[in-house]
């Protein structure tokens, strides 16, 4: 992460958080850090994707958050479609 002055942390719950995190990882820049938090149990169980975005200014933070949320929405839709039984 850079020495930023603005930070946003986004937490989103998913049935397959690792799959979602892996789907959005290629779009992450050095200002974006994503991790997965799961409850005790199987690795593919439900959990939370936690992403922290740091930027020098509010405008840049807003733009990066908007981009991230768009990417996250697509990743979740793809995950829902490809992991249904």
Protein backbone atom coordinates (compact mmCIF):
# COMPACT_ATOMS: atom_id res chain seq x y z
CA UNK A 1 0.00 0.00 0.00
CA UNK A 2 1.05 3.56 -0.56
CA UNK A 3 1.30 6.34 2.02
CA UNK A 4 -2.27 7.49 1.42
CA UNK A 5 -4.34 10.00 3.30
CA UNK A 6 -7.79 8.56 2.45
CA UNK A 7 -8.96 5.00 3.12
CA UNK A 8 -12.11 2.97 2.56
CA UNK A 9 -12.71 -0.58 3.76
CA UNK A 10 -15.45 -2.58 2.05
CA UNK A 11 -16.76 -5.81 3.59
CA UNK A 12 -19.07 -8.03 1.56
CA UNK A 13 -20.51 -11.42 2.53
CA UNK A 14 -20.41 -14.26 0.01
CA UNK A 15 -21.16 -17.98 -0.11
CA UNK A 16 -17.79 -18.55 -1.81
CA UNK A 17 -15.62 -15.61 -0.75
CA UNK A 18 -12.33 -17.08 -1.99
CA UNK A 19 -13.74 -17.50 -5.49
CA UNK A 20 -14.98 -13.90 -5.51
CA UNK A 21 -11.66 -12.57 -4.16
CA UNK A 22 -9.72 -14.49 -6.80
CA UNK A 23 -12.03 -13.16 -9.53
CA UNK A 24 -11.41 -9.51 -8.58
CA UNK A 25 -7.69 -9.86 -7.80
CA UNK A 26 -6.46 -9.18 -11.35
CA UNK A 27 -8.12 -5.74 -11.24
CA UNK A 28 -6.48 -4.73 -7.95
CA UNK A 29 -3.84 -2.03 -8.11
CA UNK A 30 -1.16 -1.30 -5.50
CA UNK A 31 -3.70 0.91 -3.70
CA UNK A 32 -6.11 -2.02 -3.27
CA UNK A 33 -5.67 -4.87 -0.80
CA UNK A 34 -8.16 -7.76 -0.63
CA UNK A 35 -8.37 -10.58 1.90
CA UNK A 36 -10.91 -13.24 2.87
CA UNK A 37 -12.28 -13.81 6.35
CA UNK A 38 -14.10 -17.10 6.92
CA UNK A 39 -15.61 -18.72 9.95
CA UNK A 40 -14.12 -22.01 11.13
CA UNK A 41 -14.95 -24.70 8.63
CA UNK A 42 -14.36 -25.61 5.02
CA UNK A 43 -12.31 -23.21 2.92
CA UNK A 44 -15.10 -22.87 0.38
CA UNK A 45 -17.66 -22.01 3.06
CA UNK A 46 -19.35 -18.66 3.48
CA UNK A 47 -17.35 -15.68 4.61
CA UNK A 48 -16.45 -12.09 3.94
CA UNK A 49 -14.30 -10.43 1.30
CA UNK A 50 -12.57 -7.44 2.90
CA UNK A 51 -11.00 -4.87 0.61
CA UNK A 52 -9.11 -1.79 1.74
CA UNK A 53 -8.51 1.01 -0.73
CA UNK A 54 -6.05 3.81 0.00
CA UNK A 55 -5.61 6.91 -2.14
CA UNK A 56 -4.04 10.34 -1.77
CA UNK A 57 -7.26 12.26 -2.34
CA UNK A 58 -11.00 11.91 -1.90
CA UNK A 59 -11.73 12.07 -5.65
CA UNK A 60 -9.29 9.28 -6.43
CA UNK A 61 -10.67 7.21 -3.57
CA UNK A 62 -14.21 7.63 -4.84
CA UNK A 63 -13.23 6.63 -8.37
CA UNK A 64 -11.34 3.56 -7.18
CA UNK A 65 -14.21 2.51 -4.89
CA UNK A 66 -16.68 2.89 -7.79
CA UNK A 67 -14.46 0.76 -10.03
CA UNK A 68 -14.03 -1.86 -7.32
CA UNK A 69 -17.76 -2.12 -6.63
CA UNK A 70 -18.43 -2.58 -10.36
CA UNK A 71 -15.78 -5.31 -10.55
CA UNK A 72 -17.14 -6.95 -7.41
CA UNK A 73 -20.68 -6.97 -8.81
CA UNK A 74 -19.51 -8.71 -11.98
CA UNK A 75 -17.41 -11.19 -10.00
CA UNK A 76 -20.37 -12.08 -7.79
CA UNK A 77 -22.67 -12.57 -10.81
CA UNK A 78 -20.12 -14.79 -12.53
CA UNK A 79 -19.57 -16.75 -9.33
CA UNK A 80 -23.31 -17.24 -8.88
CA UNK A 81 -23.64 -18.48 -12.46
CA UNK A 82 -20.62 -20.78 -12.54
CA UNK A 83 -20.98 -22.38 -9.10
CA UNK A 84 -24.67 -23.24 -9.13
CA UNK A 85 -25.39 -26.93 -8.84
